[in-house]
Structures are given as structure tokens and as C-alpha cells.
């Protein structure tokens, strides 16, 4: 399957870019100013990205947040990133940067079907992670 991020983004759509990432507007925005930070290399998941590229990604996120909050006076920013099979087909790793406002009802519009997950097992595994095992 072709990847829209590898083959479908035209130069005029790119707002800024770094060595490893491009920033574009989302074509189906949640809010005006909704941006995507897209890896130039085709990574399926955050788990494939090395530490150096993750630091670059966080730096871009920080710049986008500062710009939106200071220059455009948004109340905050939500950073959203999907992984694995839940991602849209025909895309690769990317991060959503969504401007937020106190009265935007963002969380009120989320309708999720609860699925079973063992909270006890999750807590156990998280504690295992933090012990460096």
C-alpha cells in the first residue's frame, strides 16, 4: 500500500521541516490550526524511532506548543500520537498538535467503547518497568 506521507505531501504543503520531520496542516482538522508532525522516514510506530530522532521530535513539539500558546493565545495544546494497527491505513508515524481552548468540549465529544484490561496486571507491569527490569 502506498503511504500518503511518503508520496502524497507536496512541497507547498510543508510549513516547516527539519532533517527528519515535516510539519503540515491536518487535512481533517479537529480544531483550526491542527498540525501534523510527520517523520520523513517511513516508521510504522514510535517504537521504531531511535532516541536521537525522539529528542528532535520533542524539540519540534515544544516549539509548536510555544508558538501556539504565546503568539496565538490558545489555552493549551493536546499532543496525540497513534501507534500500531490503530493508525489510518496509508500513513506512517506522525504526531497531532491540536490547539485547545477551555470551552472547546474536546473531551466531551470522545465516545469510546470500553474494552477489558486488567488494571492489576497493568500496575504490576508498570512497577516492573520503573525498577529497570
C-alpha atoms as a PDB file:
ATOM      1  CA  UNK A   1       0.000   0.000   0.000  1.00  0.00           C
ATOM      2  CA  UNK A   2       1.240   3.461  -0.859  1.00  0.00           C
ATOM      3  CA  UNK A   3       1.891   5.862   2.003  1.00  0.00           C
ATOM      4  CA  UNK A   4       0.348   9.316   1.650  1.00  0.00           C
ATOM      5  CA  UNK A   5       3.058  10.764   3.900  1.00  0.00           C
ATOM      6  CA  UNK A   6       5.883   9.297   1.817  1.00  0.00           C
ATOM      7  CA  UNK A   7       4.395  10.064  -1.596  1.00  0.00           C
ATOM      8  CA  UNK A   8       1.445  12.430  -1.223  1.00  0.00           C
ATOM      9  CA  UNK A   9       2.745  15.526   0.526  1.00  0.00           C
ATOM     10  CA  UNK A  10       3.658  18.276  -1.897  1.00  0.00           C
ATOM     11  CA  UNK A  11       6.342  20.858  -1.142  1.00  0.00           C
ATOM     12  CA  UNK A  12       3.824  23.721  -0.915  1.00  0.00           C
ATOM     13  CA  UNK A  13       2.016  21.888   1.929  1.00  0.00           C
ATOM     14  CA  UNK A  14       5.117  21.760   4.133  1.00  0.00           C
ATOM     15  CA  UNK A  15       5.060  24.591   6.650  1.00  0.00           C
ATOM     16  CA  UNK A  16       8.451  23.837   8.198  1.00  0.00           C
ATOM     17  CA  UNK A  17      10.854  20.940   8.138  1.00  0.00           C
ATOM     18  CA  UNK A  18      13.877  19.671   9.954  1.00  0.00           C
ATOM     19  CA  UNK A  19      16.339  16.998   8.972  1.00  0.00           C
ATOM     20  CA  UNK A  20      13.908  14.243   9.971  1.00  0.00           C
ATOM     21  CA  UNK A  21      10.412  15.749  10.173  1.00  0.00           C
ATOM     22  CA  UNK A  22       7.882  17.826   8.236  1.00  0.00           C
ATOM     23  CA  UNK A  23       5.062  19.921   9.698  1.00  0.00           C
ATOM     24  CA  UNK A  24       1.818  20.280   7.728  1.00  0.00           C
ATOM     25  CA  UNK A  25      -1.796  21.162   8.430  1.00  0.00           C
ATOM     26  CA  UNK A  26      -4.069  18.187   9.103  1.00  0.00           C
ATOM     27  CA  UNK A  27      -6.443  17.678   6.147  1.00  0.00           C
ATOM     28  CA  UNK A  28      -9.312  16.820   8.534  1.00  0.00           C
ATOM     29  CA  UNK A  29      -8.611  19.112  11.490  1.00  0.00           C
ATOM     30  CA  UNK A  30     -10.131  18.728  14.938  1.00  0.00           C
ATOM     31  CA  UNK A  31      -9.552  22.457  15.512  1.00  0.00           C
ATOM     32  CA  UNK A  32      -8.349  25.376  13.389  1.00  0.00           C
ATOM     33  CA  UNK A  33      -4.542  25.272  13.430  1.00  0.00           C
ATOM     34  CA  UNK A  34      -4.364  21.452  13.883  1.00  0.00           C
ATOM     35  CA  UNK A  35      -0.855  20.461  12.764  1.00  0.00           C
ATOM     36  CA  UNK A  36       0.843  17.167  11.975  1.00  0.00           C
ATOM     37  CA  UNK A  37       4.496  16.451  12.659  1.00  0.00           C
ATOM     38  CA  UNK A  38       5.403  13.684  10.220  1.00  0.00           C
ATOM     39  CA  UNK A  39       8.594  11.669  10.153  1.00  0.00           C
ATOM     40  CA  UNK A  40      10.350  11.832   6.790  1.00  0.00           C
ATOM     41  CA  UNK A  41      11.395   8.201   7.086  1.00  0.00           C
ATOM     42  CA  UNK A  42       8.641   5.588   6.988  1.00  0.00           C
ATOM     43  CA  UNK A  43       8.248   4.402  10.577  1.00  0.00           C
ATOM     44  CA  UNK A  44       5.148   2.439  11.493  1.00  0.00           C
ATOM     45  CA  UNK A  45       5.392   3.180  15.203  1.00  0.00           C
ATOM     46  CA  UNK A  46       7.164   5.293  17.780  1.00  0.00           C
ATOM     47  CA  UNK A  47       8.895   2.110  18.939  1.00  0.00           C
ATOM     48  CA  UNK A  48      10.957   2.084  15.718  1.00  0.00           C
ATOM     49  CA  UNK A  49      12.358   5.595  16.216  1.00  0.00           C
ATOM     50  CA  UNK A  50      15.799   5.967  17.797  1.00  0.00           C
ATOM     51  CA  UNK A  51      16.486   8.217  20.786  1.00  0.00           C
ATOM     52  CA  UNK A  52      18.138  10.976  18.738  1.00  0.00           C
ATOM     53  CA  UNK A  53      15.092  11.353  16.491  1.00  0.00           C
ATOM     54  CA  UNK A  54      12.797  11.285  19.525  1.00  0.00           C
ATOM     55  CA  UNK A  55      14.706  14.225  21.016  1.00  0.00           C
ATOM     56  CA  UNK A  56      14.311  16.117  17.733  1.00  0.00           C
ATOM     57  CA  UNK A  57      10.576  15.313  17.754  1.00  0.00           C
ATOM     58  CA  UNK A  58      10.160  16.619  21.308  1.00  0.00           C
ATOM     59  CA  UNK A  59      12.016  19.808  20.382  1.00  0.00           C
ATOM     60  CA  UNK A  60       9.608  20.391  17.465  1.00  0.00           C
ATOM     61  CA  UNK A  61       6.624  19.725  19.716  1.00  0.00           C
ATOM     62  CA  UNK A  62       7.965  22.210  22.243  1.00  0.00           C
ATOM     63  CA  UNK A  63       8.393  24.853  19.518  1.00  0.00           C
ATOM     64  CA  UNK A  64       4.853  24.282  18.199  1.00  0.00           C
ATOM     65  CA  UNK A  65       3.363  24.498  21.706  1.00  0.00           C
ATOM     66  CA  UNK A  66       5.260  27.714  22.495  1.00  0.00           C
ATOM     67  CA  UNK A  67       4.207  29.293  19.202  1.00  0.00           C
ATOM     68  CA  UNK A  68       0.527  28.418  19.621  1.00  0.00           C
ATOM     69  CA  UNK A  69       0.325  29.396  23.286  1.00  0.00           C
ATOM     70  CA  UNK A  70       2.361  32.609  23.093  1.00  0.00           C
ATOM     71  CA  UNK A  71       1.549  34.011  19.645  1.00  0.00           C
ATOM     72  CA  UNK A  72      -1.987  32.709  19.134  1.00  0.00           C
ATOM     73  CA  UNK A  73      -3.148  32.721  22.763  1.00  0.00           C
ATOM     74  CA  UNK A  74      -4.608  29.229  22.780  1.00  0.00           C
ATOM     75  CA  UNK A  75      -5.324  27.896  26.273  1.00  0.00           C
ATOM     76  CA  UNK A  76      -3.220  24.790  25.726  1.00  0.00           C
ATOM     77  CA  UNK A  77      -2.260  22.095  23.243  1.00  0.00           C
ATOM     78  CA  UNK A  78      -3.058  18.387  23.038  1.00  0.00           C
ATOM     79  CA  UNK A  79      -0.387  16.143  21.577  1.00  0.00           C
ATOM     80  CA  UNK A  80      -1.893  12.984  20.090  1.00  0.00           C
ATOM     81  CA  UNK A  81       0.066  10.117  18.576  1.00  0.00           C
ATOM     82  CA  UNK A  82      -1.281   6.762  17.419  1.00  0.00           C
ATOM     83  CA  UNK A  83       0.696   3.539  17.235  1.00  0.00           C
ATOM     84  CA  UNK A  84       0.302   0.156  15.626  1.00  0.00           C
ATOM     85  CA  UNK A  85      -2.729  -1.203  13.850  1.00  0.00           C
ATOM     86  CA  UNK A  86      -4.945   1.648  15.068  1.00  0.00           C
ATOM     87  CA  UNK A  87      -3.251   4.089  12.663  1.00  0.00           C
ATOM     88  CA  UNK A  88      -5.026   5.056   9.455  1.00  0.00           C
ATOM     89  CA  UNK A  89      -4.065   2.822   6.542  1.00  0.00           C
ATOM     90  CA  UNK A  90      -1.756   4.502   4.060  1.00  0.00           C
ATOM     91  CA  UNK A  91       0.037   6.603   6.660  1.00  0.00           C
ATOM     92  CA  UNK A  92       3.070   6.252   8.858  1.00  0.00           C
ATOM     93  CA  UNK A  93       4.248   7.680  12.184  1.00  0.00           C
ATOM     94  CA  UNK A  94       3.025  11.182  12.921  1.00  0.00           C
ATOM     95  CA  UNK A  95       2.021  13.393  15.829  1.00  0.00           C
ATOM     96  CA  UNK A  96      -1.057  15.608  16.023  1.00  0.00           C
ATOM     97  CA  UNK A  97      -0.642  19.058  17.580  1.00  0.00           C
ATOM     98  CA  UNK A  98      -4.126  20.339  18.393  1.00  0.00           C
ATOM     99  CA  UNK A  99      -4.787  23.869  19.696  1.00  0.00           C
ATOM    100  CA  UNK A 100      -7.111  23.745  22.723  1.00  0.00           C
ATOM    101  CA  UNK A 101      -9.472  26.131  24.488  1.00  0.00           C
ATOM    102  CA  UNK A 102     -11.244  25.885  27.833  1.00  0.00           C
ATOM    103  CA  UNK A 103     -14.665  25.815  26.168  1.00  0.00           C
ATOM    104  CA  UNK A 104     -13.852  23.573  23.169  1.00  0.00           C
ATOM    105  CA  UNK A 105     -15.616  20.463  24.599  1.00  0.00           C
ATOM    106  CA  UNK A 106     -12.771  18.309  23.286  1.00  0.00           C
ATOM    107  CA  UNK A 107     -13.088  15.534  25.871  1.00  0.00           C
ATOM    108  CA  UNK A 108     -16.903  15.747  25.988  1.00  0.00           C
ATOM    109  CA  UNK A 109     -17.002  14.642  22.343  1.00  0.00           C
ATOM    110  CA  UNK A 110     -14.945  11.491  22.856  1.00  0.00           C
ATOM    111  CA  UNK A 111     -17.078   8.354  22.713  1.00  0.00           C
ATOM    112  CA  UNK A 112     -15.012   5.256  23.365  1.00  0.00           C
ATOM    113  CA  UNK A 113     -16.225   1.700  23.802  1.00  0.00           C
ATOM    114  CA  UNK A 114     -14.603   0.311  26.945  1.00  0.00           C
ATOM    115  CA  UNK A 115     -12.607  -2.876  26.434  1.00  0.00           C
ATOM    116  CA  UNK A 116     -11.413  -5.204  29.188  1.00  0.00           C
ATOM    117  CA  UNK A 117      -7.934  -4.586  30.547  1.00  0.00           C
ATOM    118  CA  UNK A 118      -6.517  -5.932  33.792  1.00  0.00           C
ATOM    119  CA  UNK A 119      -5.676  -2.873  35.870  1.00  0.00           C
ATOM    120  CA  UNK A 120      -3.884  -5.063  38.424  1.00  0.00           C
ATOM    121  CA  UNK A 121      -1.674  -6.548  35.701  1.00  0.00           C
ATOM    122  CA  UNK A 122      -1.004  -3.105  34.220  1.00  0.00           C
ATOM    123  CA  UNK A 123       0.068  -1.730  37.619  1.00  0.00           C
ATOM    124  CA  UNK A 124       2.319  -4.767  38.142  1.00  0.00           C
ATOM    125  CA  UNK A 125       3.987  -4.329  34.741  1.00  0.00           C
ATOM    126  CA  UNK A 126       4.417  -0.564  35.205  1.00  0.00           C
ATOM    127  CA  UNK A 127       6.153  -1.122  38.539  1.00  0.00           C
ATOM    128  CA  UNK A 128       8.342  -3.702  36.837  1.00  0.00           C
ATOM    129  CA  UNK A 129       9.345  -1.124  34.215  1.00  0.00           C
ATOM    130  CA  UNK A 130      10.265   1.515  36.752  1.00  0.00           C
ATOM    131  CA  UNK A 131      12.579  -0.895  38.548  1.00  0.00           C
ATOM    132  CA  UNK A 132      14.614  -1.242  35.361  1.00  0.00           C
ATOM    133  CA  UNK A 133      13.846  -4.924  34.856  1.00  0.00           C
END
